[in-house]
């Protein structure tokens, strides 16, 4: 069982505050526009409740979106240099990891890691996190990384933002398990919205040419041509070196059928070529 901890939506904030003990800090992780809050260290109840409900220990606990601290600093600048802000961020991560080391030692969780949307961002992005530095902040004990990755969001594969290269270069070099979220929900660059790759754009949508199956097929082996866009999108992610597991939603029977169908497909050998072709089309 994997459990994420660390951010609370606007409707959940009052419930969280009620449970805080006197002197316990909620906002150490930062605040996002729209009322989202973040904290680095999970409440002890988060480590105990899932065991009580499901009768099992949490296998992996992920600190969710710790970059809210960096987002808060970017939206409320105080004149500090970016590297100083980042140093404070990784220091807080280190303290959170020390807490989780205790939870592992006590048998409340099996392992821990990070769920970060910005570990795939350009290194000069003030909200970017670094796989290398997060791993170092854990003293080498972090075991799992969750990141966004799909046909349109290919920073994990192409963005060289660590000393080793990309996030998908740095994670396997440290024996990190990599969980991919949003394989079928693509957030387009420059505020161009979200496309569900399980539901291709209508023919009148100008993005349809980019995301059509026909745009992909010249880059695919013959046996994959004719497959649906959603299955190709899932196969693209599953074929990428360094990816351990693809987290696919199951809210619709089509999603389930696609996930099962991908298991019989051959891997896409040229994932970098496919990713670069899509990035070119999306930024043209």
Protein backbone atom coordinates (compact mmCIF):
# COMPACT_ATOMS: atom_id res chain seq x y z
CA UNK A 1 0.00 0.00 0.00
CA UNK A 2 1.30 3.45 -0.97
CA UNK A 3 0.07 6.49 1.00
CA UNK A 4 0.71 10.14 0.12
CA UNK A 5 0.98 12.77 2.82
CA UNK A 6 1.78 16.43 2.96
CA UNK A 7 -0.78 18.64 1.15
CA UNK A 8 -4.31 19.54 2.03
CA UNK A 9 -6.99 21.15 -0.14
CA UNK A 10 -8.97 24.22 0.94
CA UNK A 11 -11.90 22.14 2.25
CA UNK A 12 -9.66 19.93 4.34
CA UNK A 13 -7.66 22.63 6.07
CA UNK A 14 -10.11 23.31 8.90
CA UNK A 15 -10.31 19.58 9.70
CA UNK A 16 -6.53 19.37 9.84
CA UNK A 17 -6.23 22.40 12.08
CA UNK A 18 -8.71 20.95 14.54
CA UNK A 19 -6.49 17.92 15.02
CA UNK A 20 -3.27 19.85 15.56
CA UNK A 21 -1.75 19.77 19.02
CA UNK A 22 -0.78 23.11 20.61
CA UNK A 23 2.44 24.34 19.07
CA UNK A 24 2.29 21.97 16.08
CA UNK A 25 3.03 23.76 12.81
CA UNK A 26 0.90 23.22 9.73
CA UNK A 27 2.31 25.68 7.22
CA UNK A 28 5.97 24.71 7.28
CA UNK A 29 5.64 23.37 3.74
CA UNK A 30 4.13 26.53 2.24
CA UNK A 31 0.91 27.72 0.64
CA UNK A 32 -0.29 27.54 -2.96
CA UNK A 33 -2.69 29.96 -4.68
CA UNK A 34 -6.27 28.80 -4.21
CA UNK A 35 -5.82 27.79 -0.57
CA UNK A 36 -3.73 24.63 -0.92
CA UNK A 37 -1.46 24.08 2.03
CA UNK A 38 1.58 21.92 2.49
CA UNK A 39 3.60 20.48 5.33
CA UNK A 40 6.65 18.29 5.36
CA UNK A 41 6.11 16.02 8.35
CA UNK A 42 2.94 13.89 8.38
CA UNK A 43 0.80 13.67 11.48
CA UNK A 44 1.37 10.49 13.47
CA UNK A 45 -2.31 9.63 12.90
CA UNK A 46 -1.60 9.41 9.17
CA UNK A 47 0.86 6.60 9.91
CA UNK A 48 -1.58 4.75 12.16
CA UNK A 49 -5.03 5.21 10.61
CA UNK A 50 -4.43 3.29 7.37
CA UNK A 51 -3.22 0.30 9.37
CA UNK A 52 -6.34 0.44 11.49
CA UNK A 53 -8.64 0.69 8.47
CA UNK A 54 -6.97 -1.86 6.22
CA UNK A 55 -5.18 -4.08 8.69
CA UNK A 56 -1.75 -3.56 7.18
CA UNK A 57 1.33 -1.42 7.49
CA UNK A 58 1.92 1.33 4.91
CA UNK A 59 4.46 -0.12 2.48
CA UNK A 60 5.55 3.27 1.11
CA UNK A 61 4.76 6.75 2.42
CA UNK A 62 5.32 9.59 -0.06
CA UNK A 63 5.76 13.21 0.98
CA UNK A 64 3.41 14.83 -1.51
CA UNK A 65 4.36 18.02 -3.36
CA UNK A 66 6.97 19.37 -0.94
CA UNK A 67 7.75 21.95 -3.64
CA UNK A 68 4.83 23.99 -2.25
CA UNK A 69 7.52 25.51 -0.02
CA UNK A 70 9.36 26.72 -3.15
CA UNK A 71 6.09 27.83 -4.77
CA UNK A 72 5.24 29.89 -1.72
CA UNK A 73 8.66 31.54 -1.84
CA UNK A 74 8.30 32.26 -5.57
CA UNK A 75 4.89 33.86 -5.11
CA UNK A 76 5.95 35.83 -2.00
CA UNK A 77 9.57 36.86 -2.66
CA UNK A 78 11.51 38.21 0.31
CA UNK A 79 14.74 39.12 -1.47
CA UNK A 80 16.62 35.95 -0.55
CA UNK A 81 18.74 34.37 -3.32
CA UNK A 82 17.17 31.29 -4.89
CA UNK A 83 19.96 29.00 -3.69
CA UNK A 84 19.39 30.13 -0.10
CA UNK A 85 15.69 29.28 -0.44
CA UNK A 86 16.58 25.90 -1.90
CA UNK A 87 19.02 25.21 0.94
CA UNK A 88 16.23 25.87 3.45
CA UNK A 89 13.94 23.57 1.46
CA UNK A 90 16.36 20.63 1.49
CA UNK A 91 17.13 21.22 5.17
CA UNK A 92 13.42 20.86 5.96
CA UNK A 93 13.24 17.76 3.80
CA UNK A 94 16.16 16.34 5.77
CA UNK A 95 14.30 16.88 9.03
CA UNK A 96 11.16 15.26 7.59
CA UNK A 97 13.18 12.29 6.41
CA UNK A 98 14.71 11.86 9.87
CA UNK A 99 11.18 11.66 11.27
CA UNK A 100 10.29 9.02 8.67
CA UNK A 101 13.45 7.07 9.47
CA UNK A 102 11.98 6.69 12.94
CA UNK A 103 8.67 5.51 11.48
CA UNK A 104 10.52 2.87 9.45
CA UNK A 105 12.49 1.74 12.49
CA UNK A 106 9.26 1.48 14.50
CA UNK A 107 7.63 -0.64 11.79
CA UNK A 108 4.85 1.88 11.04
CA UNK A 109 5.94 2.20 7.40
CA UNK A 110 8.09 0.04 5.16
CA UNK A 111 9.82 2.80 3.19
CA UNK A 112 9.39 6.41 2.14
CA UNK A 113 9.89 8.71 -0.80
CA UNK A 114 8.73 11.84 -2.60
CA UNK A 115 5.86 12.68 -4.93
CA UNK A 116 6.96 15.80 -6.81
CA UNK A 117 5.52 17.43 -9.92
CA UNK A 118 8.53 19.73 -10.38
CA UNK A 119 11.42 17.24 -10.32
CA UNK A 120 10.92 17.20 -14.12
CA UNK A 121 11.17 20.99 -14.51
CA UNK A 122 14.06 22.99 -15.98
CA UNK A 123 16.80 23.52 -13.38
CA UNK A 124 16.36 27.31 -13.46
CA UNK A 125 12.68 27.06 -12.52
CA UNK A 126 12.45 28.51 -8.98
CA UNK A 127 9.93 25.78 -8.06
CA UNK A 128 12.06 22.91 -9.43
CA UNK A 129 13.16 20.09 -7.16
CA UNK A 130 16.19 17.88 -7.79
CA UNK A 131 16.10 14.08 -7.54
CA UNK A 132 19.78 14.11 -6.61
CA UNK A 133 19.42 16.64 -3.80
CA UNK A 134 16.26 15.02 -2.41
CA UNK A 135 18.05 11.68 -2.27
CA UNK A 136 21.03 13.28 -0.54
CA UNK A 137 18.70 14.97 1.97
CA UNK A 138 17.45 11.50 2.93
CA UNK A 139 20.97 10.27 3.62
CA UNK A 140 20.52 7.75 0.83
CA UNK A 141 17.50 6.12 2.48
CA UNK A 142 14.72 7.46 0.23
CA UNK A 143 13.36 4.55 -1.81
CA UNK A 144 10.61 5.77 -4.15
CA UNK A 145 9.97 8.72 -6.46
CA UNK A 146 6.62 9.63 -8.02
CA UNK A 147 6.54 12.05 -10.96
CA UNK A 148 4.29 13.15 -13.86
CA UNK A 149 5.07 11.70 -17.27
CA UNK A 150 3.06 11.24 -20.46
CA UNK A 151 3.28 11.85 -24.21
CA UNK A 152 2.99 15.61 -23.74
CA UNK A 153 4.81 16.05 -20.42
CA UNK A 154 8.19 14.53 -21.18
CA UNK A 155 10.45 16.49 -18.83
CA UNK A 156 11.26 13.32 -16.87
CA UNK A 157 12.85 11.88 -20.01
CA UNK A 158 14.24 14.97 -21.75
CA UNK A 159 14.95 17.69 -19.15
CA UNK A 160 18.56 17.47 -17.95
CA UNK A 161 18.17 18.88 -14.46
CA UNK A 162 20.50 16.72 -12.33
CA UNK A 163 24.24 16.01 -12.44
CA UNK A 164 23.39 12.60 -13.92
CA UNK A 165 21.08 14.03 -16.57
CA UNK A 166 17.29 13.76 -16.35
CA UNK A 167 15.10 12.65 -13.45
CA UNK A 168 14.84 9.24 -15.14
CA UNK A 169 18.64 9.07 -15.28
CA UNK A 170 19.13 10.06 -11.65
CA UNK A 171 16.47 7.81 -10.10
CA UNK A 172 17.71 4.41 -11.40
CA UNK A 173 21.29 5.43 -10.59
CA UNK A 174 20.14 5.51 -6.95
CA UNK A 175 17.98 2.40 -7.18
CA UNK A 176 14.79 4.41 -6.70
CA UNK A 177 11.47 2.91 -7.65
CA UNK A 178 9.72 5.32 -10.06
CA UNK A 179 5.93 5.64 -10.04
CA UNK A 180 4.41 7.62 -12.94
CA UNK A 181 1.24 9.61 -12.40
CA UNK A 182 -0.91 11.34 -15.03
CA UNK A 183 -0.05 8.91 -17.88
CA UNK A 184 -3.32 9.84 -19.63
CA UNK A 185 -3.88 13.39 -18.34
CA UNK A 186 -1.57 15.72 -20.25
CA UNK A 187 -1.14 19.30 -19.03
CA UNK A 188 -0.03 21.27 -22.07
CA UNK A 189 2.65 23.97 -21.82
CA UNK A 190 2.01 27.72 -21.71
CA UNK A 191 -1.37 27.37 -20.05
CA UNK A 192 -2.95 25.59 -23.02
CA UNK A 193 -5.05 23.37 -20.82
CA UNK A 194 -5.39 19.66 -20.17
CA UNK A 195 -6.04 16.85 -22.63
CA UNK A 196 -7.21 13.43 -21.53
CA UNK A 197 -5.32 11.07 -23.80
CA UNK A 198 -7.99 8.45 -23.20
CA UNK A 199 -10.46 10.81 -24.88
CA UNK A 200 -8.83 12.14 -28.10
CA UNK A 201 -9.64 15.73 -29.10
CA UNK A 202 -12.59 16.41 -31.37
CA UNK A 203 -11.75 16.81 -35.05
CA UNK A 204 -12.30 20.56 -34.77
CA UNK A 205 -9.74 20.92 -31.98
CA UNK A 206 -6.48 22.37 -33.39
CA UNK A 207 -4.57 20.06 -31.05
CA UNK A 208 -6.03 16.98 -32.75
CA UNK A 209 -3.32 16.85 -35.41
CA UNK A 210 -0.63 16.71 -32.77
CA UNK A 211 -2.37 14.10 -30.64
CA UNK A 212 -3.83 11.95 -33.39
CA UNK A 213 -2.74 8.35 -33.84
CA UNK A 214 -1.59 9.23 -37.34
CA UNK A 215 1.00 11.65 -35.95
CA UNK A 216 2.51 8.86 -33.89
CA UNK A 217 2.46 5.94 -36.27
CA UNK A 218 5.50 6.87 -38.41
CA UNK A 219 7.60 6.54 -35.25
CA UNK A 220 6.14 3.19 -34.19
CA UNK A 221 6.96 -0.39 -35.10
CA UNK A 222 4.40 -1.84 -37.54
CA UNK A 223 2.73 -4.10 -34.97
CA UNK A 224 1.68 -1.06 -32.91
CA UNK A 225 0.06 0.85 -35.74
CA UNK A 226 -3.69 0.92 -35.48
CA UNK A 227 -3.79 0.83 -31.67
CA UNK A 228 -5.82 3.50 -29.88
CA UNK A 229 -4.10 6.68 -28.74
CA UNK A 230 -4.70 5.81 -25.07
CA UNK A 231 -3.01 2.41 -25.42
CA UNK A 232 -0.10 3.95 -27.28
CA UNK A 233 0.19 6.59 -24.56
CA UNK A 234 0.32 3.93 -21.83
CA UNK A 235 2.75 1.80 -23.84
CA UNK A 236 4.99 4.84 -24.33
CA UNK A 237 5.25 5.38 -20.57
CA UNK A 238 5.64 1.68 -19.73
CA UNK A 239 8.37 1.32 -22.40
CA UNK A 240 10.52 4.09 -20.93
CA UNK A 241 13.70 2.90 -19.15
CA UNK A 242 13.68 3.74 -15.46
CA UNK A 243 9.89 3.57 -15.01
CA UNK A 244 8.88 1.01 -12.38
CA UNK A 245 5.10 1.32 -12.32
CA UNK A 246 2.44 3.31 -14.21
CA UNK A 247 -0.43 4.62 -12.08
CA UNK A 248 -3.47 4.50 -14.32
CA UNK A 249 -6.92 5.63 -13.19
CA UNK A 250 -9.71 3.08 -13.12
CA UNK A 251 -12.76 5.37 -13.10
CA UNK A 252 -14.00 4.12 -16.50
CA UNK A 253 -14.15 0.59 -17.98
CA UNK A 254 -12.18 1.85 -20.99
CA UNK A 255 -9.26 2.71 -18.72
CA UNK A 256 -9.24 -0.81 -17.34
CA UNK A 257 -9.45 -2.36 -20.81
CA UNK A 258 -6.59 -0.19 -22.05
CA UNK A 259 -4.39 -1.03 -19.07
CA UNK A 260 -4.97 -4.75 -19.61
CA UNK A 261 -4.53 -4.40 -23.38
CA UNK A 262 -1.15 -2.71 -23.03
CA UNK A 263 0.21 -5.80 -21.31
CA UNK A 264 0.16 -7.67 -24.62
CA UNK A 265 1.77 -4.88 -26.66
CA UNK A 266 5.47 -4.86 -27.55
CA UNK A 267 7.51 -1.98 -26.11
CA UNK A 268 8.14 1.19 -28.09
CA UNK A 269 11.90 1.11 -28.80
CA UNK A 270 12.41 4.79 -29.67
CA UNK A 271 10.75 6.58 -26.77
CA UNK A 272 13.16 9.52 -26.94
CA UNK A 273 12.37 10.09 -30.62
CA UNK A 274 8.63 9.96 -29.89
CA UNK A 275 9.00 12.37 -26.95
CA UNK A 276 11.07 14.85 -28.96
CA UNK A 277 8.60 14.74 -31.84
CA UNK A 278 5.72 15.53 -29.52
CA UNK A 279 7.65 18.29 -27.77
CA UNK A 280 8.47 19.86 -31.13
CA UNK A 281 4.83 19.81 -32.20
CA UNK A 282 3.61 21.23 -28.88
CA UNK A 283 6.09 24.10 -28.86
CA UNK A 284 5.91 24.94 -32.57
